[in-house]
All heavy atoms as atom14 arrays in JSON, in Angstrom:
{
  "sequence": "FPVFAQAREKARQITCVSNEKQMGLAMMQYIQDND",
  "atom14_mask": [
    [1, 1, 1, 1, 1, 1, 1, 1, 1, 1, 1, 0, 0, 0],
    [1, 1, 1, 1, 1, 1, 1, 0, 0, 0, 0, 0, 0, 0],
    [1, 1, 1, 1, 1, 1, 1, 0, 0, 0, 0, 0, 0, 0],
    [1, 1, 1, 1, 1, 1, 1, 1, 1, 1, 1, 0, 0, 0],
    [1, 1, 1, 1, 1, 0, 0, 0, 0, 0, 0, 0, 0, 0],
    [1, 1, 1, 1, 1, 1, 1, 1, 1, 0, 0, 0, 0, 0],
    [1, 1, 1, 1, 1, 0, 0, 0, 0, 0, 0, 0, 0, 0],
    [1, 1, 1, 1, 1, 1, 1, 1, 1, 1, 1, 0, 0, 0],
    [1, 1, 1, 1, 1, 1, 1, 1, 1, 0, 0, 0, 0, 0],
    [1, 1, 1, 1, 1, 1, 1, 1, 1, 0, 0, 0, 0, 0],
    [1, 1, 1, 1, 1, 0, 0, 0, 0, 0, 0, 0, 0, 0],
    [1, 1, 1, 1, 1, 1, 1, 1, 1, 1, 1, 0, 0, 0],
    [1, 1, 1, 1, 1, 1, 1, 1, 1, 0, 0, 0, 0, 0],
    [1, 1, 1, 1, 1, 1, 1, 1, 0, 0, 0, 0, 0, 0],
    [1, 1, 1, 1, 1, 1, 1, 0, 0, 0, 0, 0, 0, 0],
    [1, 1, 1, 1, 1, 1, 0, 0, 0, 0, 0, 0, 0, 0],
    [1, 1, 1, 1, 1, 1, 1, 0, 0, 0, 0, 0, 0, 0],
    [1, 1, 1, 1, 1, 1, 0, 0, 0, 0, 0, 0, 0, 0],
    [1, 1, 1, 1, 1, 1, 1, 1, 0, 0, 0, 0, 0, 0],
    [1, 1, 1, 1, 1, 1, 1, 1, 1, 0, 0, 0, 0, 0],
    [1, 1, 1, 1, 1, 1, 1, 1, 1, 0, 0, 0, 0, 0],
    [1, 1, 1, 1, 1, 1, 1, 1, 1, 0, 0, 0, 0, 0],
    [1, 1, 1, 1, 1, 1, 1, 1, 0, 0, 0, 0, 0, 0],
    [1, 1, 1, 1, 0, 0, 0, 0, 0, 0, 0, 0, 0, 0],
    [1, 1, 1, 1, 1, 1, 1, 1, 0, 0, 0, 0, 0, 0],
    [1, 1, 1, 1, 1, 0, 0, 0, 0, 0, 0, 0, 0, 0],
    [1, 1, 1, 1, 1, 1, 1, 1, 0, 0, 0, 0, 0, 0],
    [1, 1, 1, 1, 1, 1, 1, 1, 0, 0, 0, 0, 0, 0],
    [1, 1, 1, 1, 1, 1, 1, 1, 1, 0, 0, 0, 0, 0],
    [1, 1, 1, 1, 1, 1, 1, 1, 1, 1, 1, 1, 0, 0],
    [1, 1, 1, 1, 1, 1, 1, 1, 0, 0, 0, 0, 0, 0],
    [1, 1, 1, 1, 1, 1, 1, 1, 1, 0, 0, 0, 0, 0],
    [1, 1, 1, 1, 1, 1, 1, 1, 0, 0, 0, 0, 0, 0],
    [1, 1, 1, 1, 1, 1, 1, 1, 0, 0, 0, 0, 0, 0],
    [1, 1, 1, 1, 1, 1, 1, 1, 0, 0, 0, 0, 0, 0]
  ],
  "atom14_positions": [
    [[0.75, -1.27, 0.0], [0.02, -0.08, -0.02], [0.86, 1.2, -0.06], [0.55, 2.19, -0.79], [-0.85, -0.04, 1.14], [-2.24, -0.78, 0.98], [-3.06, -1.03, 1.96], [-2.45, -1.39, -0.26], [-4.24, -1.8, 1.78], [-3.6, -2.21, -0.52], [-4.47, -2.44, 0.54], [0.0, 0.0, 0.0], [0.0, 0.0, 0.0], [0.0, 0.0, 0.0]],
    [[1.83, 1.31, 0.87], [2.77, 2.55, 0.79], [3.48, 2.74, -0.58], [3.6, 3.79, -1.03], [3.67, 2.34, 1.89], [3.05, 1.46, 2.87], [2.26, 0.55, 2.02], [0.0, 0.0, 0.0], [0.0, 0.0, 0.0], [0.0, 0.0, 0.0], [0.0, 0.0, 0.0], [0.0, 0.0, 0.0], [0.0, 0.0, 0.0], [0.0, 0.0, 0.0]],
    [[3.83, 1.62, -1.19], [4.45, 1.67, -2.52], [3.47, 2.18, -3.52], [3.83, 3.07, -4.33], [4.92, 0.3, -2.91], [5.49, 0.29, -4.28], [6.08, -0.18, -1.91], [0.0, 0.0, 0.0], [0.0, 0.0, 0.0], [0.0, 0.0, 0.0], [0.0, 0.0, 0.0], [0.0, 0.0, 0.0], [0.0, 0.0, 0.0], [0.0, 0.0, 0.0]],
    [[2.2, 1.77, -3.47], [1.27, 2.18, -4.35], [0.92, 3.67, -4.21], [0.85, 4.47, -5.13], [-0.04, 1.47, -4.26], [-0.03, 0.0, -4.75], [-0.76, -1.03, -4.08], [0.84, -0.43, -5.62], [-0.68, -2.32, -4.53], [0.99, -1.71, -6.13], [0.3, -2.66, -5.5], [0.0, 0.0, 0.0], [0.0, 0.0, 0.0], [0.0, 0.0, 0.0]],
    [[0.86, 4.07, -2.83], [0.74, 5.55, -2.62], [1.84, 6.37, -3.08], [1.58, 7.49, -3.59], [0.51, 5.65, -1.04], [0.0, 0.0, 0.0], [0.0, 0.0, 0.0], [0.0, 0.0, 0.0], [0.0, 0.0, 0.0], [0.0, 0.0, 0.0], [0.0, 0.0, 0.0], [0.0, 0.0, 0.0], [0.0, 0.0, 0.0], [0.0, 0.0, 0.0]],
    [[3.02, 5.96, -3.02], [4.19, 6.65, -3.48], [4.26, 6.84, -4.99], [4.51, 7.86, -5.59], [5.51, 6.09, -2.98], [5.73, 6.12, -1.51], [7.02, 5.41, -0.95], [7.85, 5.09, -1.94], [7.21, 5.32, 0.27], [0.0, 0.0, 0.0], [0.0, 0.0, 0.0], [0.0, 0.0, 0.0], [0.0, 0.0, 0.0], [0.0, 0.0, 0.0]],
    [[3.71, 5.72, -5.64], [3.6, 5.67, -7.05], [2.55, 6.66, -7.53], [2.71, 7.43, -8.53], [3.34, 4.28, -7.55], [0.0, 0.0, 0.0], [0.0, 0.0, 0.0], [0.0, 0.0, 0.0], [0.0, 0.0, 0.0], [0.0, 0.0, 0.0], [0.0, 0.0, 0.0], [0.0, 0.0, 0.0], [0.0, 0.0, 0.0], [0.0, 0.0, 0.0]],
    [[1.51, 6.72, -6.9], [0.41, 7.66, -7.25], [0.89, 9.02, -6.93], [0.6, 9.98, -7.76], [-0.93, 7.32, -6.42], [-2.03, 8.2, -6.74], [-3.36, 7.8, -6.17], [-3.24, 7.77, -4.68], [-4.27, 7.31, -3.77], [-5.38, 6.91, -4.32], [-3.96, 7.42, -2.54], [0.0, 0.0, 0.0], [0.0, 0.0, 0.0], [0.0, 0.0, 0.0]],
    [[1.53, 9.33, -5.82], [1.98, 10.72, -5.52], [3.05, 11.12, -6.5], [3.1, 12.29, -6.95], [2.55, 10.81, -4.12], [2.99, 12.21, -3.74], [1.78, 13.19, -3.91], [0.7, 12.86, -3.52], [2.09, 14.25, -4.43], [0.0, 0.0, 0.0], [0.0, 0.0, 0.0], [0.0, 0.0, 0.0], [0.0, 0.0, 0.0], [0.0, 0.0, 0.0]],
    [[3.86, 10.17, -7.0], [4.85, 10.47, -8.01], [4.23, 10.91, -9.24], [4.65, 11.92, -9.89], [5.83, 9.27, -8.31], [6.87, 9.59, -9.2], [7.87, 10.59, -8.7], [9.09, 10.87, -9.61], [9.99, 11.94, -9.08], [0.0, 0.0, 0.0], [0.0, 0.0, 0.0], [0.0, 0.0, 0.0], [0.0, 0.0, 0.0], [0.0, 0.0, 0.0]],
    [[3.12, 10.26, -9.67], [2.3, 10.64, -10.84], [1.87, 12.06, -10.67], [1.74, 12.86, -11.7], [1.21, 9.64, -11.16], [0.0, 0.0, 0.0], [0.0, 0.0, 0.0], [0.0, 0.0, 0.0], [0.0, 0.0, 0.0], [0.0, 0.0, 0.0], [0.0, 0.0, 0.0], [0.0, 0.0, 0.0], [0.0, 0.0, 0.0], [0.0, 0.0, 0.0]],
    [[1.26, 12.35, -9.39], [0.79, 13.7, -9.35], [1.81, 14.72, -9.39], [1.63, 15.85, -9.91], [0.12, 13.84, -7.88], [-1.17, 12.99, -7.76], [-1.69, 12.86, -6.36], [-2.97, 12.19, -6.3], [-3.62, 11.89, -5.16], [-3.08, 12.16, -3.98], [-4.76, 11.35, -5.05], [0.0, 0.0, 0.0], [0.0, 0.0, 0.0], [0.0, 0.0, 0.0]],
    [[2.97, 14.45, -8.76], [4.15, 15.34, -8.93], [4.47, 15.54, -10.33], [4.71, 16.86, -10.63], [5.41, 14.76, -8.15], [6.57, 15.58, -8.15], [7.76, 14.99, -7.45], [7.68, 13.83, -7.29], [8.71, 15.92, -7.17], [0.0, 0.0, 0.0], [0.0, 0.0, 0.0], [0.0, 0.0, 0.0], [0.0, 0.0, 0.0], [0.0, 0.0, 0.0]],
    [[4.51, 14.59, -11.12], [4.85, 14.78, -12.63], [3.86, 15.68, -13.21], [4.15, 16.56, -14.03], [4.81, 13.5, -13.25], [6.14, 12.63, -12.74], [5.0, 13.66, -14.76], [6.12, 11.24, -13.29], [0.0, 0.0, 0.0], [0.0, 0.0, 0.0], [0.0, 0.0, 0.0], [0.0, 0.0, 0.0], [0.0, 0.0, 0.0], [0.0, 0.0, 0.0]],
    [[2.61, 15.55, -12.8], [1.5, 16.38, -13.41], [1.69, 17.75, -12.99], [1.55, 18.85, -13.8], [0.13, 15.99, -12.93], [-0.14, 14.69, -13.41], [-0.91, 16.94, -13.32], [0.0, 0.0, 0.0], [0.0, 0.0, 0.0], [0.0, 0.0, 0.0], [0.0, 0.0, 0.0], [0.0, 0.0, 0.0], [0.0, 0.0, 0.0], [0.0, 0.0, 0.0]],
    [[2.16, 18.07, -11.71], [2.47, 19.37, -11.27], [3.56, 20.08, -11.85], [3.59, 21.24, -12.13], [2.61, 19.23, -9.69], [2.74, 20.94, -8.85], [0.0, 0.0, 0.0], [0.0, 0.0, 0.0], [0.0, 0.0, 0.0], [0.0, 0.0, 0.0], [0.0, 0.0, 0.0], [0.0, 0.0, 0.0], [0.0, 0.0, 0.0], [0.0, 0.0, 0.0]],
    [[4.67, 19.22, -12.18], [5.82, 19.69, -12.94], [5.33, 20.2, -14.35], [5.76, 21.22, -14.68], [6.89, 18.58, -13.04], [7.92, 18.98, -14.09], [7.53, 18.32, -11.7], [0.0, 0.0, 0.0], [0.0, 0.0, 0.0], [0.0, 0.0, 0.0], [0.0, 0.0, 0.0], [0.0, 0.0, 0.0], [0.0, 0.0, 0.0], [0.0, 0.0, 0.0]],
    [[4.55, 19.4, -14.96], [3.89, 19.76, -16.31], [3.23, 21.15, -16.11], [3.36, 22.0, -17.0], [3.05, 18.68, -16.85], [2.46, 19.06, -18.02], [0.0, 0.0, 0.0], [0.0, 0.0, 0.0], [0.0, 0.0, 0.0], [0.0, 0.0, 0.0], [0.0, 0.0, 0.0], [0.0, 0.0, 0.0], [0.0, 0.0, 0.0], [0.0, 0.0, 0.0]],
    [[2.44, 21.2, -15.08], [1.67, 22.52, -14.89], [2.6, 23.76, -14.88], [2.4, 24.72, -15.62], [0.91, 22.49, -13.52], [-0.33, 21.55, -13.52], [-0.66, 21.07, -14.64], [-0.85, 21.34, -12.39], [0.0, 0.0, 0.0], [0.0, 0.0, 0.0], [0.0, 0.0, 0.0], [0.0, 0.0, 0.0], [0.0, 0.0, 0.0], [0.0, 0.0, 0.0]],
    [[3.67, 23.67, -13.94], [4.59, 24.78, -13.8], [5.41, 25.01, -15.12], [5.71, 26.01, -15.5], [5.51, 24.54, -12.59], [4.82, 24.5, -11.35], [5.68, 24.51, -10.16], [6.97, 24.76, -10.36], [5.19, 24.4, -8.95], [0.0, 0.0, 0.0], [0.0, 0.0, 0.0], [0.0, 0.0, 0.0], [0.0, 0.0, 0.0], [0.0, 0.0, 0.0]],
    [[5.65, 23.87, -15.88], [6.43, 24.04, -16.97], [5.54, 24.86, -17.99], [6.12, 25.79, -18.75], [6.76, 22.69, -17.79], [7.6, 22.63, -19.02], [8.96, 23.25, -18.64], [9.87, 23.38, -19.95], [11.13, 23.97, -19.76], [0.0, 0.0, 0.0], [0.0, 0.0, 0.0], [0.0, 0.0, 0.0], [0.0, 0.0, 0.0], [0.0, 0.0, 0.0]],
    [[4.25, 24.59, -18.14], [3.44, 25.42, -19.0], [3.27, 26.74, -18.5], [3.2, 27.77, -19.47], [2.07, 24.69, -19.18], [2.08, 23.33, -19.82], [0.7, 22.74, -19.94], [-0.17, 23.19, -20.6], [0.54, 21.61, -19.19], [0.0, 0.0, 0.0], [0.0, 0.0, 0.0], [0.0, 0.0, 0.0], [0.0, 0.0, 0.0], [0.0, 0.0, 0.0]],
    [[3.23, 26.98, -17.25], [3.29, 28.42, -16.69], [4.45, 29.16, -17.21], [4.43, 30.33, -17.54], [3.17, 28.38, -15.34], [1.79, 27.95, -14.64], [1.9, 27.87, -12.85], [0.76, 26.66, -12.43], [0.0, 0.0, 0.0], [0.0, 0.0, 0.0], [0.0, 0.0, 0.0], [0.0, 0.0, 0.0], [0.0, 0.0, 0.0], [0.0, 0.0, 0.0]],
    [[5.69, 28.47, -17.12], [6.93, 29.02, -17.38], [6.92, 29.32, -18.91], [7.33, 30.53, -19.32], [0.0, 0.0, 0.0], [0.0, 0.0, 0.0], [0.0, 0.0, 0.0], [0.0, 0.0, 0.0], [0.0, 0.0, 0.0], [0.0, 0.0, 0.0], [0.0, 0.0, 0.0], [0.0, 0.0, 0.0], [0.0, 0.0, 0.0], [0.0, 0.0, 0.0]],
    [[6.39, 28.51, -19.91], [6.4, 28.84, -21.18], [5.47, 30.06, -21.51], [5.91, 30.87, -22.36], [5.99, 27.6, -21.96], [6.96, 26.46, -22.11], [6.24, 25.22, -22.72], [8.2, 26.73, -22.84], [0.0, 0.0, 0.0], [0.0, 0.0, 0.0], [0.0, 0.0, 0.0], [0.0, 0.0, 0.0], [0.0, 0.0, 0.0], [0.0, 0.0, 0.0]],
    [[4.41, 30.0, -20.92], [3.38, 31.15, -21.02], [4.1, 32.38, -20.6], [3.94, 33.48, -21.27], [2.14, 30.86, -20.36], [0.0, 0.0, 0.0], [0.0, 0.0, 0.0], [0.0, 0.0, 0.0], [0.0, 0.0, 0.0], [0.0, 0.0, 0.0], [0.0, 0.0, 0.0], [0.0, 0.0, 0.0], [0.0, 0.0, 0.0], [0.0, 0.0, 0.0]],
    [[4.74, 32.42, -19.44], [5.42, 33.6, -18.91], [6.46, 34.14, -19.88], [6.53, 35.3, -20.15], [6.05, 33.39, -17.54], [6.57, 34.59, -16.84], [5.29, 35.82, -16.4], [4.66, 35.1, -14.93], [0.0, 0.0, 0.0], [0.0, 0.0, 0.0], [0.0, 0.0, 0.0], [0.0, 0.0, 0.0], [0.0, 0.0, 0.0], [0.0, 0.0, 0.0]],
    [[7.28, 33.19, -20.41], [8.34, 33.59, -21.36], [7.7, 34.26, -22.56], [8.21, 35.3, -23.06], [9.19, 32.45, -21.77], [9.9, 31.79, -20.56], [11.06, 33.04, -19.84], [11.62, 32.09, -18.3], [0.0, 0.0, 0.0], [0.0, 0.0, 0.0], [0.0, 0.0, 0.0], [0.0, 0.0, 0.0], [0.0, 0.0, 0.0], [0.0, 0.0, 0.0]],
    [[6.63, 33.88, -23.12], [5.88, 34.36, -24.15], [5.35, 35.71, -23.92], [5.49, 36.66, -24.68], [4.8, 33.44, -24.77], [5.25, 32.11, -25.41], [4.16, 31.22, -25.71], [3.53, 31.44, -26.71], [4.05, 30.18, -25.09], [0.0, 0.0, 0.0], [0.0, 0.0, 0.0], [0.0, 0.0, 0.0], [0.0, 0.0, 0.0], [0.0, 0.0, 0.0]],
    [[4.78, 35.84, -22.7], [4.26, 37.15, -22.32], [5.34, 38.18, -22.23], [5.29, 39.31, -22.73], [3.49, 37.07, -20.94], [3.14, 38.33, -20.4], [1.9, 38.88, -20.59], [4.01, 39.2, -19.63], [1.33, 40.01, -20.13], [3.52, 40.41, -19.11], [2.24, 40.88, -19.43], [1.86, 41.97, -18.87], [0.0, 0.0, 0.0], [0.0, 0.0, 0.0]],
    [[6.53, 37.82, -21.61], [7.69, 38.68, -21.4], [8.18, 39.16, -22.81], [8.57, 40.36, -23.02], [8.68, 38.02, -20.64], [8.28, 37.97, -19.17], [10.07, 38.84, -20.68], [9.25, 36.99, -18.31], [0.0, 0.0, 0.0], [0.0, 0.0, 0.0], [0.0, 0.0, 0.0], [0.0, 0.0, 0.0], [0.0, 0.0, 0.0], [0.0, 0.0, 0.0]],
    [[8.29, 38.17, -23.75], [8.81, 38.53, -25.09], [7.85, 39.53, -25.84], [8.28, 40.41, -26.55], [8.86, 37.33, -26.01], [9.97, 36.37, -25.54], [10.07, 35.07, -26.31], [9.26, 34.81, -27.22], [10.96, 34.13, -25.89], [0.0, 0.0, 0.0], [0.0, 0.0, 0.0], [0.0, 0.0, 0.0], [0.0, 0.0, 0.0], [0.0, 0.0, 0.0]],
    [[6.53, 39.42, -25.56], [5.57, 40.27, -26.14], [5.4, 41.7, -25.38], [4.74, 42.56, -25.86], [4.24, 39.73, -26.29], [4.27, 38.53, -27.26], [5.11, 38.41, -28.1], [3.3, 37.64, -27.23], [0.0, 0.0, 0.0], [0.0, 0.0, 0.0], [0.0, 0.0, 0.0], [0.0, 0.0, 0.0], [0.0, 0.0, 0.0], [0.0, 0.0, 0.0]],
    [[6.01, 41.8, -24.29], [5.87, 42.94, -23.43], [7.2, 43.64, -23.01], [7.33, 43.92, -21.79], [4.97, 42.68, -22.25], [3.49, 42.35, -22.64], [2.7, 43.32, -22.73], [3.2, 41.09, -22.82], [0.0, 0.0, 0.0], [0.0, 0.0, 0.0], [0.0, 0.0, 0.0], [0.0, 0.0, 0.0], [0.0, 0.0, 0.0], [0.0, 0.0, 0.0]],
    [[8.15, 43.89, -23.97], [9.42, 44.52, -23.75], [10.02, 44.01, -22.53], [10.67, 44.77, -21.74], [9.06, 46.01, -23.42], [8.39, 46.68, -24.63], [8.72, 46.37, -25.79], [7.58, 47.56, -24.44], [0.0, 0.0, 0.0], [0.0, 0.0, 0.0], [0.0, 0.0, 0.0], [0.0, 0.0, 0.0], [0.0, 0.0, 0.0], [0.0, 0.0, 0.0]]
  ]
}
């Protein structure tokens, strides 16, 4: 059970990394368009 819980949390962490990566790409595009 703890192994399954860790695996599930790892999947959530990867989703969260993807979230922030998309925020970063959006921020970079905003910055390029706004001097």
